[in-house]
Amino acid sequence: MTVTCQHCGTNAPANRTMCPECRRRMHAAETSDRSAATALPTYAAPVVAPASAPVSAPAFVSTPATAVPTRFGVALGLSVAVAILGVVAWEVLAQAANMRSALVGFGVAAGIAAVMRTFAPGDRRGAPAIVVLTAVSSLAGLLASQYAMVADALHIGFFDAVQLVPTSKIPELMKTGTSAMTWIVMAASVYAGFAFSRRLAVETPQPPVTAPVPAVAPEQS
């Protein structure tokens, strides 16, 4: 390899630092070999990532729907209390006004439905509870009003009349002094309880449904 003097253009060996013609210092960086002087740019070899397993479509994990929380025990206790109040209303009206008012059953059905709607809106046991408690309250109320009529007729106390009438005579006592209209109104009140229970089933809030969450696949190392 030779070195070209930048002053006079003389070629000299690469180990020479002084030009043999003009006696001036030469730069060792400049060479006569233009192809050697012009360095080609170098490029780093591309890094090829190792082959990994094919990535499948993200799987979706659906969050299970949670049921609406209810307090059926509290609702049932309050519903029984409403039914008992209906029986008391039958007995009070019989003693105070000497009348049998089967319309009390409608109030009992509406009251029990309101209790179930408040405390157990999503519980399926609420619908049959409304119907059963309305029917039991109506029958027990009619029986209480009959005892009250007997007590008023004999001028004795209510509980004395209960003890006076034997258990075997209760079916006959239930029919004494009642008309077909009384039983029709009682049946209508039970049907009203059934209608309230159906409306309660329609108004039952649905459990919240969350959107599916995509499962994140683990990163390939």
Protein backbone atom coordinates (compact mmCIF):
# COMPACT_ATOMS: atom_id res chain seq x y z
CA MET A 1 0.00 0.00 0.00
CA THR A 2 1.31 3.50 -0.90
CA VAL A 3 0.62 6.94 0.46
CA THR A 4 0.08 9.99 -1.80
CA CYS A 5 1.60 13.28 -0.73
CA GLN A 6 -1.03 15.94 -0.42
CA HIS A 7 1.47 18.65 -1.39
CA CYS A 8 3.17 17.42 -4.57
CA GLY A 9 1.25 14.26 -5.42
CA THR A 10 4.23 11.91 -5.14
CA ASN A 11 3.54 8.32 -4.16
CA ALA A 12 5.61 6.93 -1.34
CA PRO A 13 5.55 3.73 0.72
CA ALA A 14 3.02 3.63 3.51
CA ASN A 15 5.73 3.45 6.18
CA ARG A 16 7.14 6.82 5.08
CA THR A 17 5.97 9.91 6.94
CA MET A 18 8.06 12.47 4.89
CA CYS A 19 7.62 13.02 1.13
CA PRO A 20 10.88 12.01 -0.74
CA GLU A 21 10.37 14.92 -3.21
CA CYS A 22 9.17 17.93 -1.27
CA ARG A 23 10.27 16.75 2.14
CA ARG A 24 6.98 17.59 3.73
CA ARG A 25 4.95 15.54 6.15
CA MET A 26 2.30 13.35 4.58
CA HIS A 27 -1.04 12.27 6.07
CA ALA A 28 -1.20 8.54 6.48
CA ALA A 29 -5.03 8.52 6.11
CA GLU A 30 -4.89 9.28 2.36
CA THR A 31 -3.95 6.40 0.08
CA SER A 32 -3.51 6.06 -3.65
CA ASP A 33 -5.78 3.14 -3.74
CA ARG A 34 -9.11 4.91 -4.21
CA SER A 35 -11.07 1.71 -3.84
CA ALA A 36 -9.37 1.04 -0.51
CA ALA A 37 -9.81 4.67 0.59
CA THR A 38 -13.52 4.59 -0.07
CA ALA A 39 -14.85 2.22 2.54
CA LEU A 40 -18.11 0.51 1.82
CA PRO A 41 -20.78 0.93 4.47
CA THR A 42 -21.42 -2.15 6.52
CA TYR A 43 -24.84 -3.31 7.56
CA ALA A 44 -25.72 -5.41 10.56
CA ALA A 45 -27.27 -8.73 9.77
CA PRO A 46 -31.00 -8.79 10.51
CA VAL A 47 -31.93 -10.57 13.68
CA VAL A 48 -34.47 -13.24 12.98
CA ALA A 49 -36.79 -13.97 15.89
CA PRO A 50 -37.25 -17.61 16.74
CA ALA A 51 -40.42 -19.18 15.44
CA SER A 52 -43.17 -19.18 18.00
CA ALA A 53 -46.45 -21.01 18.26
CA PRO A 54 -49.31 -19.47 16.27
CA VAL A 55 -51.38 -17.04 18.29
CA SER A 56 -54.98 -18.12 18.40
CA ALA A 57 -57.97 -15.84 18.66
CA PRO A 58 -58.51 -14.43 22.16
CA ALA A 59 -60.78 -16.57 24.24
CA PHE A 60 -63.67 -14.83 25.98
CA VAL A 61 -64.42 -15.47 29.61
CA SER A 62 -68.00 -14.64 30.49
CA THR A 63 -68.64 -13.42 33.99
CA PRO A 64 -71.50 -15.40 35.58
CA ALA A 65 -74.58 -13.36 36.26
CA THR A 66 -75.26 -12.78 39.90
CA ALA A 67 -78.72 -13.22 41.25
CA VAL A 68 -80.57 -10.30 42.75
CA PRO A 69 -80.29 -10.53 46.53
CA THR A 70 -83.59 -11.09 48.34
CA ARG A 71 -84.80 -11.36 51.95
CA PHE A 72 -87.56 -13.91 51.58
CA GLY A 73 -87.57 -14.76 55.29
CA VAL A 74 -88.34 -11.17 56.23
CA ALA A 75 -90.91 -10.90 53.46
CA LEU A 76 -92.64 -14.10 54.55
CA GLY A 77 -92.80 -12.98 58.19
CA LEU A 78 -94.30 -9.62 57.25
CA SER A 79 -96.73 -11.31 54.86
CA VAL A 80 -97.98 -13.59 57.63
CA ALA A 81 -98.46 -10.50 59.78
CA VAL A 82 -100.53 -8.88 57.01
CA ALA A 83 -102.64 -12.06 56.73
CA ILE A 84 -103.25 -12.06 60.49
CA LEU A 85 -104.28 -8.42 60.35
CA GLY A 86 -106.80 -9.40 57.69
CA VAL A 87 -108.29 -12.02 60.02
CA VAL A 88 -108.50 -9.44 62.80
CA ALA A 89 -110.26 -7.05 60.39
CA TRP A 90 -112.89 -9.70 59.62
CA GLU A 91 -113.51 -10.26 63.35
CA VAL A 92 -113.63 -6.55 64.24
CA LEU A 93 -116.12 -5.76 61.45
CA ALA A 94 -118.31 -8.67 62.56
CA GLN A 95 -118.38 -7.51 66.16
CA ALA A 96 -118.64 -3.77 65.44
CA ALA A 97 -121.00 -3.76 62.46
CA ASN A 98 -122.43 -7.29 62.52
CA MET A 99 -121.28 -7.85 58.94
CA ARG A 100 -119.05 -10.16 56.97
CA SER A 101 -116.82 -8.18 54.60
CA ALA A 102 -115.02 -10.41 52.14
CA LEU A 103 -113.52 -7.28 50.60
CA VAL A 104 -110.84 -7.48 53.28
CA GLY A 105 -109.21 -10.20 51.15
CA PHE A 106 -108.35 -7.66 48.43
CA GLY A 107 -106.48 -5.54 50.94
CA VAL A 108 -104.63 -8.60 52.23
CA ALA A 109 -103.61 -9.62 48.70
CA ALA A 110 -102.39 -6.10 47.88
CA GLY A 111 -100.49 -5.81 51.17
CA ILE A 112 -98.71 -9.15 50.77
CA ALA A 113 -97.80 -8.32 47.17
CA ALA A 114 -96.32 -4.99 48.28
CA VAL A 115 -94.23 -6.75 50.94
CA MET A 116 -92.92 -9.30 48.44
CA ARG A 117 -92.13 -6.58 45.90
CA THR A 118 -90.14 -4.69 48.51
CA PHE A 119 -88.18 -7.43 50.21
CA ALA A 120 -88.13 -10.37 47.76
CA PRO A 121 -88.64 -9.04 44.23
CA GLY A 122 -86.60 -11.74 42.53
CA ASP A 123 -87.68 -14.74 44.57
CA ARG A 124 -89.97 -17.22 42.82
CA ARG A 125 -91.44 -18.33 46.14
CA GLY A 126 -93.14 -14.96 46.49
CA ALA A 127 -95.87 -15.69 43.91
CA PRO A 128 -97.32 -18.83 45.55
CA ALA A 129 -96.92 -17.22 48.99
CA ILE A 130 -99.24 -14.38 47.93
CA VAL A 131 -101.95 -16.76 46.71
CA VAL A 132 -101.75 -19.18 49.64
CA LEU A 133 -101.66 -16.51 52.35
CA THR A 134 -104.56 -14.61 50.75
CA ALA A 135 -106.69 -17.76 50.65
CA VAL A 136 -105.81 -18.79 54.21
CA SER A 137 -106.48 -15.27 55.50
CA SER A 138 -109.88 -15.16 53.80
CA LEU A 139 -110.98 -18.54 55.18
CA ALA A 140 -109.65 -17.80 58.66
CA GLY A 141 -111.25 -14.36 58.56
CA LEU A 142 -114.62 -15.80 57.62
CA LEU A 143 -114.37 -18.31 60.47
CA ALA A 144 -113.41 -15.53 62.91
CA SER A 145 -116.38 -13.46 61.79
CA GLN A 146 -118.68 -16.48 62.36
CA TYR A 147 -117.34 -16.91 65.89
CA ALA A 148 -117.95 -13.20 66.44
CA MET A 149 -121.54 -13.57 65.23
CA VAL A 150 -122.13 -16.48 67.63
CA ALA A 151 -120.61 -14.51 70.49
CA ASP A 152 -122.82 -11.54 69.71
CA ALA A 153 -125.94 -13.66 69.47
CA LEU A 154 -125.30 -15.48 72.75
CA HIS A 155 -123.86 -12.40 74.49
CA ILE A 156 -120.66 -14.18 75.40
CA GLY A 157 -117.04 -13.46 74.75
CA PHE A 158 -115.29 -14.26 71.50
CA PHE A 159 -113.03 -16.95 72.96
CA ASP A 160 -116.01 -18.45 74.82
CA ALA A 161 -117.74 -18.86 71.46
CA VAL A 162 -114.62 -20.55 70.06
CA GLN A 163 -114.70 -23.06 72.92
CA LEU A 164 -118.47 -23.53 72.60
CA VAL A 165 -118.49 -24.63 68.96
CA PRO A 166 -116.99 -28.12 68.54
CA THR A 167 -114.37 -28.68 65.85
CA SER A 168 -116.62 -31.06 63.93
CA LYS A 169 -119.18 -28.28 63.51
CA ILE A 170 -116.73 -25.82 61.90
CA PRO A 171 -117.66 -26.70 58.25
CA GLU A 172 -121.32 -26.16 59.05
CA LEU A 173 -120.50 -22.94 60.90
CA MET A 174 -118.61 -21.63 57.86
CA LYS A 175 -121.76 -21.94 55.72
CA THR A 176 -124.20 -20.55 58.28
CA GLY A 177 -125.44 -17.09 57.37
CA THR A 178 -123.22 -16.77 54.30
CA SER A 179 -124.39 -16.33 50.74
CA ALA A 180 -122.96 -17.24 47.37
CA MET A 181 -121.80 -13.65 46.97
CA THR A 182 -119.59 -13.98 50.03
CA TRP A 183 -117.78 -16.97 48.53
CA ILE A 184 -117.55 -15.29 45.13
CA VAL A 185 -115.90 -12.21 46.64
CA MET A 186 -113.50 -14.43 48.59
CA ALA A 187 -112.59 -16.31 45.41
CA ALA A 188 -112.12 -12.98 43.61
CA SER A 189 -109.73 -11.83 46.33
CA VAL A 190 -107.69 -15.01 45.92
CA TYR A 191 -107.61 -14.42 42.16
CA ALA A 192 -106.50 -10.87 42.85
CA GLY A 193 -103.58 -12.33 44.80
CA PHE A 194 -102.78 -14.52 41.79
CA ALA A 195 -102.89 -11.45 39.52
CA PHE A 196 -100.56 -9.58 41.88
CA SER A 197 -98.17 -12.53 41.83
CA ARG A 198 -98.10 -12.57 38.01
CA ARG A 199 -97.45 -8.83 37.93
CA LEU A 200 -94.68 -9.33 40.46
CA ALA A 201 -93.07 -11.95 38.20
CA VAL A 202 -93.18 -9.50 35.26
CA GLU A 203 -91.64 -6.70 37.32
CA THR A 204 -88.87 -8.95 38.67
CA PRO A 205 -85.51 -7.20 38.00
CA GLN A 206 -83.14 -9.21 35.86
CA PRO A 207 -79.63 -9.93 37.21
CA PRO A 208 -76.91 -7.71 35.75
CA VAL A 209 -75.13 -9.27 32.77
CA THR A 210 -71.55 -8.19 32.27
CA ALA A 211 -69.83 -8.05 28.90
CA PRO A 212 -67.47 -10.92 28.07
CA VAL A 213 -63.87 -10.22 29.07
CA PRO A 214 -61.16 -11.36 26.62
CA ALA A 215 -58.65 -13.71 28.20
CA VAL A 216 -55.07 -12.44 27.85
CA ALA A 217 -52.78 -15.11 26.47
CA PRO A 218 -49.34 -15.41 28.16
CA GLU A 219 -46.46 -13.83 26.29
CA GLN A 220 -44.18 -16.13 24.31
CA SER A 221 -40.61 -15.92 25.60
